[in-house]
């Protein structure tokens, strides 16, 4: 069974795909490994635990809040 711990984080992947931004590109801009961004998009990683720069980049590029 695949448990989603942080369902609100799934908006990251939805917005990224909607805006046509590649995962590797966004991960690089945010200073994150692509695998970590994939975990975040799947809801398995708490976005609040990202470093400040990563949260700012994701919020700005995807036009979302990560609270």
PDB file of N, CA and C in Angstrom:
ATOM      1  N   UNK A   1       0.837  -1.178   0.000  1.00  0.00           N
ATOM      2  CA  UNK A   1       0.000   0.000   0.000  1.00  0.00           C
ATOM      3  C   UNK A   1       0.883   1.243   0.000  1.00  0.00           C
ATOM      4  N   UNK A   2       0.584   2.203  -0.879  1.00  0.00           N
ATOM      5  CA  UNK A   2       1.353   3.418  -1.013  1.00  0.00           C
ATOM      6  C   UNK A   2       0.680   4.528  -0.208  1.00  0.00           C
ATOM      7  N   UNK A   3       1.246   4.875   0.944  1.00  0.00           N
ATOM      8  CA  UNK A   3       0.660   5.868   1.814  1.00  0.00           C
ATOM      9  C   UNK A   3       1.192   7.252   1.480  1.00  0.00           C
ATOM     10  N   UNK A   4       0.294   8.206   1.323  1.00  0.00           N
ATOM     11  CA  UNK A   4       0.662   9.588   1.078  1.00  0.00           C
ATOM     12  C   UNK A   4       0.623  10.309   2.419  1.00  0.00           C
ATOM     13  N   UNK A   5       1.782  10.697   2.909  1.00  0.00           N
ATOM     14  CA  UNK A   5       1.887  11.319   4.217  1.00  0.00           C
ATOM     15  C   UNK A   5       1.578  12.810   4.167  1.00  0.00           C
ATOM     16  N   UNK A   6       1.966  13.477   3.098  1.00  0.00           N
ATOM     17  CA  UNK A   6       1.776  14.917   2.953  1.00  0.00           C
ATOM     18  C   UNK A   6       1.009  15.198   1.657  1.00  0.00           C
ATOM     19  N   UNK A   7      -0.315  14.958   1.647  1.00  0.00           N
ATOM     20  CA  UNK A   7      -1.083  15.094   0.413  1.00  0.00           C
ATOM     21  C   UNK A   7      -1.034  16.497  -0.182  1.00  0.00           C
ATOM     22  N   UNK A   8      -0.888  17.534   0.639  1.00  0.00           N
ATOM     23  CA  UNK A   8      -0.808  18.892   0.122  1.00  0.00           C
ATOM     24  C   UNK A   8       0.408  19.123  -0.762  1.00  0.00           C
ATOM     25  N   UNK A   9       1.446  18.328  -0.574  1.00  0.00           N
ATOM     26  CA  UNK A   9       2.664  18.467  -1.368  1.00  0.00           C
ATOM     27  C   UNK A   9       2.450  18.025  -2.813  1.00  0.00           C
ATOM     28  N   UNK A  10       1.412  17.262  -3.056  1.00  0.00           N
ATOM     29  CA  UNK A  10       1.170  16.758  -4.416  1.00  0.00           C
ATOM     30  C   UNK A  10       0.886  17.885  -5.409  1.00  0.00           C
ATOM     31  N   UNK A  11       0.493  19.051  -4.905  1.00  0.00           N
ATOM     32  CA  UNK A  11       0.248  20.193  -5.778  1.00  0.00           C
ATOM     33  C   UNK A  11       1.537  20.613  -6.497  1.00  0.00           C
ATOM     34  N   UNK A  12       2.683  20.330  -5.896  1.00  0.00           N
ATOM     35  CA  UNK A  12       3.966  20.684  -6.515  1.00  0.00           C
ATOM     36  C   UNK A  12       4.095  20.000  -7.874  1.00  0.00           C
ATOM     37  N   UNK A  13       3.871  18.713  -7.923  1.00  0.00           N
ATOM     38  CA  UNK A  13       3.971  17.981  -9.185  1.00  0.00           C
ATOM     39  C   UNK A  13       2.900  18.387 -10.176  1.00  0.00           C
ATOM     40  N   UNK A  14       1.684  18.603  -9.674  1.00  0.00           N
ATOM     41  CA  UNK A  14       0.587  18.998 -10.557  1.00  0.00           C
ATOM     42  C   UNK A  14       0.879  20.349 -11.212  1.00  0.00           C
ATOM     43  N   UNK A  15       1.339  21.301 -10.432  1.00  0.00           N
ATOM     44  CA  UNK A  15       1.659  22.625 -10.977  1.00  0.00           C
ATOM     45  C   UNK A  15       2.856  22.554 -11.921  1.00  0.00           C
ATOM     46  N   UNK A  16       3.857  21.774 -11.553  1.00  0.00           N
ATOM     47  CA  UNK A  16       5.056  21.649 -12.400  1.00  0.00           C
ATOM     48  C   UNK A  16       4.670  21.125 -13.770  1.00  0.00           C
ATOM     49  N   UNK A  17       3.854  20.075 -13.785  1.00  0.00           N
ATOM     50  CA  UNK A  17       3.423  19.494 -15.065  1.00  0.00           C
ATOM     51  C   UNK A  17       2.535  20.460 -15.839  1.00  0.00           C
ATOM     52  N   UNK A  18       1.617  21.134 -15.144  1.00  0.00           N
ATOM     53  CA  UNK A  18       0.727  22.089 -15.787  1.00  0.00           C
ATOM     54  C   UNK A  18       1.507  23.217 -16.463  1.00  0.00           C
ATOM     55  N   UNK A  19       2.579  23.655 -15.823  1.00  0.00           N
ATOM     56  CA  UNK A  19       3.386  24.748 -16.356  1.00  0.00           C
ATOM     57  C   UNK A  19       4.453  24.268 -17.347  1.00  0.00           C
ATOM     58  N   UNK A  20       4.566  22.954 -17.523  1.00  0.00           N
ATOM     59  CA  UNK A  20       5.521  22.406 -18.485  1.00  0.00           C
ATOM     60  C   UNK A  20       6.972  22.517 -18.051  1.00  0.00           C
ATOM     61  N   UNK A  21       7.212  22.477 -16.749  1.00  0.00           N
ATOM     62  CA  UNK A  21       8.572  22.572 -16.217  1.00  0.00           C
ATOM     63  C   UNK A  21       9.075  21.160 -15.934  1.00  0.00           C
ATOM     64  N   UNK A  22      10.253  20.837 -16.412  1.00  0.00           N
ATOM     65  CA  UNK A  22      10.836  19.522 -16.173  1.00  0.00           C
ATOM     66  C   UNK A  22      11.266  19.355 -14.727  1.00  0.00           C
ATOM     67  N   UNK A  23      11.156  18.135 -14.222  1.00  0.00           N
ATOM     68  CA  UNK A  23      11.540  17.864 -12.835  1.00  0.00           C
ATOM     69  C   UNK A  23      13.020  18.162 -12.600  1.00  0.00           C
ATOM     70  N   UNK A  24      13.870  17.734 -13.511  1.00  0.00           N
ATOM     71  CA  UNK A  24      15.309  17.961 -13.333  1.00  0.00           C
ATOM     72  C   UNK A  24      15.626  19.457 -13.332  1.00  0.00           C
ATOM     73  N   UNK A  25      14.972  20.192 -14.215  1.00  0.00           N
ATOM     74  CA  UNK A  25      15.181  21.642 -14.295  1.00  0.00           C
ATOM     75  C   UNK A  25      14.773  22.333 -12.995  1.00  0.00           C
ATOM     76  N   UNK A  26      13.589  22.003 -12.490  1.00  0.00           N
ATOM     77  CA  UNK A  26      13.093  22.622 -11.267  1.00  0.00           C
ATOM     78  C   UNK A  26      13.946  22.217 -10.067  1.00  0.00           C
ATOM     79  N   UNK A  27      14.326  20.959 -10.009  1.00  0.00           N
ATOM     80  CA  UNK A  27      15.168  20.490  -8.911  1.00  0.00           C
ATOM     81  C   UNK A  27      16.498  21.237  -8.897  1.00  0.00           C
ATOM     82  N   UNK A  28      17.096  21.407 -10.052  1.00  0.00           N
ATOM     83  CA  UNK A  28      18.370  22.117 -10.130  1.00  0.00           C
ATOM     84  C   UNK A  28      18.220  23.564  -9.658  1.00  0.00           C
ATOM     85  N   UNK A  29      17.180  24.236 -10.120  1.00  0.00           N
ATOM     86  CA  UNK A  29      16.946  25.623  -9.700  1.00  0.00           C
ATOM     87  C   UNK A  29      16.764  25.729  -8.189  1.00  0.00           C
ATOM     88  N   UNK A  30      16.090  24.741  -7.605  1.00  0.00           N
ATOM     89  CA  UNK A  30      15.808  24.760  -6.176  1.00  0.00           C
ATOM     90  C   UNK A  30      16.952  24.190  -5.342  1.00  0.00           C
ATOM     91  N   UNK A  31      17.973  23.666  -5.995  1.00  0.00           N
ATOM     92  CA  UNK A  31      19.097  23.086  -5.265  1.00  0.00           C
ATOM     93  C   UNK A  31      18.750  21.765  -4.605  1.00  0.00           C
ATOM     94  N   UNK A  32      17.880  20.998  -5.252  1.00  0.00           N
ATOM     95  CA  UNK A  32      17.437  19.714  -4.712  1.00  0.00           C
ATOM     96  C   UNK A  32      17.801  18.584  -5.657  1.00  0.00           C
ATOM     97  N   UNK A  33      18.044  17.386  -5.136  1.00  0.00           N
ATOM     98  CA  UNK A  33      18.190  16.229  -6.011  1.00  0.00           C
ATOM     99  C   UNK A  33      16.831  15.917  -6.656  1.00  0.00           C
ATOM    100  N   UNK A  34      16.809  15.559  -7.923  1.00  0.00           N
ATOM    101  CA  UNK A  34      15.531  15.213  -8.567  1.00  0.00           C
ATOM    102  C   UNK A  34      14.761  14.126  -7.822  1.00  0.00           C
ATOM    103  N   UNK A  35      15.465  13.189  -7.219  1.00  0.00           N
ATOM    104  CA  UNK A  35      14.788  12.112  -6.479  1.00  0.00           C
ATOM    105  C   UNK A  35      14.030  12.670  -5.277  1.00  0.00           C
ATOM    106  N   UNK A  36      14.573  13.679  -4.623  1.00  0.00           N
ATOM    107  CA  UNK A  36      13.887  14.287  -3.492  1.00  0.00           C
ATOM    108  C   UNK A  36      12.649  15.044  -3.964  1.00  0.00           C
ATOM    109  N   UNK A  37      12.757  15.734  -5.086  1.00  0.00           N
ATOM    110  CA  UNK A  37      11.599  16.426  -5.649  1.00  0.00           C
ATOM    111  C   UNK A  37      10.516  15.414  -6.019  1.00  0.00           C
ATOM    112  N   UNK A  38      10.904  14.270  -6.544  1.00  0.00           N
ATOM    113  CA  UNK A  38       9.937  13.213  -6.868  1.00  0.00           C
ATOM    114  C   UNK A  38       9.223  12.724  -5.604  1.00  0.00           C
ATOM    115  N   UNK A  39       9.968  12.566  -4.512  1.00  0.00           N
ATOM    116  CA  UNK A  39       9.358  12.150  -3.244  1.00  0.00           C
ATOM    117  C   UNK A  39       8.386  13.204  -2.735  1.00  0.00           C
ATOM    118  N   UNK A  40       8.762  14.459  -2.880  1.00  0.00           N
ATOM    119  CA  UNK A  40       7.889  15.553  -2.482  1.00  0.00           C
ATOM    120  C   UNK A  40       6.598  15.534  -3.298  1.00  0.00           C
ATOM    121  N   UNK A  41       6.740  15.398  -4.604  1.00  0.00           N
ATOM    122  CA  UNK A  41       5.569  15.378  -5.492  1.00  0.00           C
ATOM    123  C   UNK A  41       4.651  14.199  -5.197  1.00  0.00           C
ATOM    124  N   UNK A  42       5.205  13.115  -4.726  1.00  0.00           N
ATOM    125  CA  UNK A  42       4.411  11.922  -4.406  1.00  0.00           C
ATOM    126  C   UNK A  42       3.746  12.032  -3.032  1.00  0.00           C
ATOM    127  N   UNK A  43       4.077  13.093  -2.289  1.00  0.00           N
ATOM    128  CA  UNK A  43       3.494  13.277  -0.967  1.00  0.00           C
ATOM    129  C   UNK A  43       4.203  12.534   0.133  1.00  0.00           C
ATOM    130  N   UNK A  44       5.449  12.116  -0.123  1.00  0.00           N
ATOM    131  CA  UNK A  44       6.210  11.350   0.866  1.00  0.00           C
ATOM    132  C   UNK A  44       7.256  12.184   1.584  1.00  0.00           C
ATOM    133  N   UNK A  45       7.297  13.477   1.325  1.00  0.00           N
ATOM    134  CA  UNK A  45       8.302  14.350   1.934  1.00  0.00           C
ATOM    135  C   UNK A  45       7.624  15.650   2.331  1.00  0.00           C
ATOM    136  N   UNK A  46       7.861  16.085   3.541  1.00  0.00           N
ATOM    137  CA  UNK A  46       7.237  17.304   4.059  1.00  0.00           C
ATOM    138  C   UNK A  46       7.904  18.537   3.449  1.00  0.00           C
ATOM    139  N   UNK A  47       7.175  19.324   2.666  1.00  0.00           N
ATOM    140  CA  UNK A  47       7.781  20.494   2.027  1.00  0.00           C
ATOM    141  C   UNK A  47       8.271  21.537   3.024  1.00  0.00           C
ATOM    142  N   UNK A  48       7.735  21.519   4.226  1.00  0.00           N
ATOM    143  CA  UNK A  48       8.173  22.475   5.243  1.00  0.00           C
ATOM    144  C   UNK A  48       9.586  22.191   5.717  1.00  0.00           C
ATOM    145  N   UNK A  49      10.111  21.009   5.463  1.00  0.00           N
ATOM    146  CA  UNK A  49      11.458  20.676   5.898  1.00  0.00           C
ATOM    147  C   UNK A  49      12.515  20.991   4.831  1.00  0.00           C
ATOM    148  N   UNK A  50      12.093  21.530   3.693  1.00  0.00           N
ATOM    149  CA  UNK A  50      13.057  21.960   2.671  1.00  0.00           C
ATOM    150  C   UNK A  50      13.796  23.195   3.160  1.00  0.00           C
ATOM    151  N   UNK A  51      14.997  23.402   2.647  1.00  0.00           N
ATOM    152  CA  UNK A  51      15.715  24.618   3.021  1.00  0.00           C
ATOM    153  C   UNK A  51      15.009  25.834   2.416  1.00  0.00           C
ATOM    154  N   UNK A  52      15.244  26.985   2.997  1.00  0.00           N
ATOM    155  CA  UNK A  52      14.519  28.213   2.640  1.00  0.00           C
ATOM    156  C   UNK A  52      14.614  28.541   1.153  1.00  0.00           C
ATOM    157  N   UNK A  53      15.790  28.418   0.560  1.00  0.00           N
ATOM    158  CA  UNK A  53      15.956  28.729  -0.861  1.00  0.00           C
ATOM    159  C   UNK A  53      15.066  27.826  -1.713  1.00  0.00           C
ATOM    160  N   UNK A  54      15.042  26.543  -1.409  1.00  0.00           N
ATOM    161  CA  UNK A  54      14.222  25.602  -2.185  1.00  0.00           C
ATOM    162  C   UNK A  54      12.750  25.977  -2.083  1.00  0.00           C
ATOM    163  N   UNK A  55      12.284  26.300  -0.876  1.00  0.00           N
ATOM    164  CA  UNK A  55      10.880  26.680  -0.715  1.00  0.00           C
ATOM    165  C   UNK A  55      10.559  27.947  -1.499  1.00  0.00           C
ATOM    166  N   UNK A  56      11.457  28.915  -1.478  1.00  0.00           N
ATOM    167  CA  UNK A  56      11.214  30.164  -2.215  1.00  0.00           C
ATOM    168  C   UNK A  56      11.174  29.921  -3.718  1.00  0.00           C
ATOM    169  N   UNK A  57      12.126  29.116  -4.222  1.00  0.00           N
ATOM    170  CA  UNK A  57      12.166  28.828  -5.669  1.00  0.00           C
ATOM    171  C   UNK A  57      10.900  28.095  -6.098  1.00  0.00           C
ATOM    172  N   UNK A  58      10.510  27.072  -5.358  1.00  0.00           N
ATOM    173  CA  UNK A  58       9.302  26.319  -5.716  1.00  0.00           C
ATOM    174  C   UNK A  58       8.071  27.211  -5.665  1.00  0.00           C
ATOM    175  N   UNK A  59       7.959  28.024  -4.631  1.00  0.00           N
ATOM    176  CA  UNK A  59       6.796  28.908  -4.503  1.00  0.00           C
ATOM    177  C   UNK A  59       6.740  29.905  -5.662  1.00  0.00           C
ATOM    178  N   UNK A  60       7.883  30.471  -6.017  1.00  0.00           N
ATOM    179  CA  UNK A  60       7.916  31.472  -7.081  1.00  0.00           C
ATOM    180  C   UNK A  60       7.656  30.850  -8.445  1.00  0.00           C
ATOM    181  N   UNK A  61       8.368  29.767  -8.750  1.00  0.00           N
ATOM    182  CA  UNK A  61       8.241  29.150 -10.080  1.00  0.00           C
ATOM    183  C   UNK A  61       6.872  28.523 -10.309  1.00  0.00           C
ATOM    184  N   UNK A  62       6.279  27.975  -9.232  1.00  0.00           N
ATOM    185  CA  UNK A  62       5.006  27.272  -9.376  1.00  0.00           C
ATOM    186  C   UNK A  62       3.811  28.119  -8.946  1.00  0.00           C
ATOM    187  N   UNK A  63       4.082  29.309  -8.409  1.00  0.00           N
ATOM    188  CA  UNK A  63       3.041  30.211  -7.940  1.00  0.00           C
ATOM    189  C   UNK A  63       2.136  29.516  -6.924  1.00  0.00           C
ATOM    190  N   UNK A  64       2.784  28.957  -5.883  1.00  0.00           N
ATOM    191  CA  UNK A  64       2.075  28.258  -4.809  1.00  0.00           C
ATOM    192  C   UNK A  64       2.670  28.681  -3.473  1.00  0.00           C
ATOM    193  N   UNK A  65       2.037  28.286  -2.392  1.00  0.00           N
ATOM    194  CA  UNK A  65       2.611  28.454  -1.062  1.00  0.00           C
ATOM    195  C   UNK A  65       2.904  27.069  -0.502  1.00  0.00           C
ATOM    196  N   UNK A  66       3.959  26.978   0.263  1.00  0.00           N
ATOM    197  CA  UNK A  66       4.355  25.694   0.863  1.00  0.00           C
ATOM    198  C   UNK A  66       4.298  25.810   2.383  1.00  0.00           C
ATOM    199  N   UNK A  67       3.101  25.938   2.913  1.00  0.00           N
ATOM    200  CA  UNK A  67       2.922  26.051   4.365  1.00  0.00           C
ATOM    201  C   UNK A  67       2.585  24.730   4.976  1.00  0.00           C
TER     202      UNK A  67
END
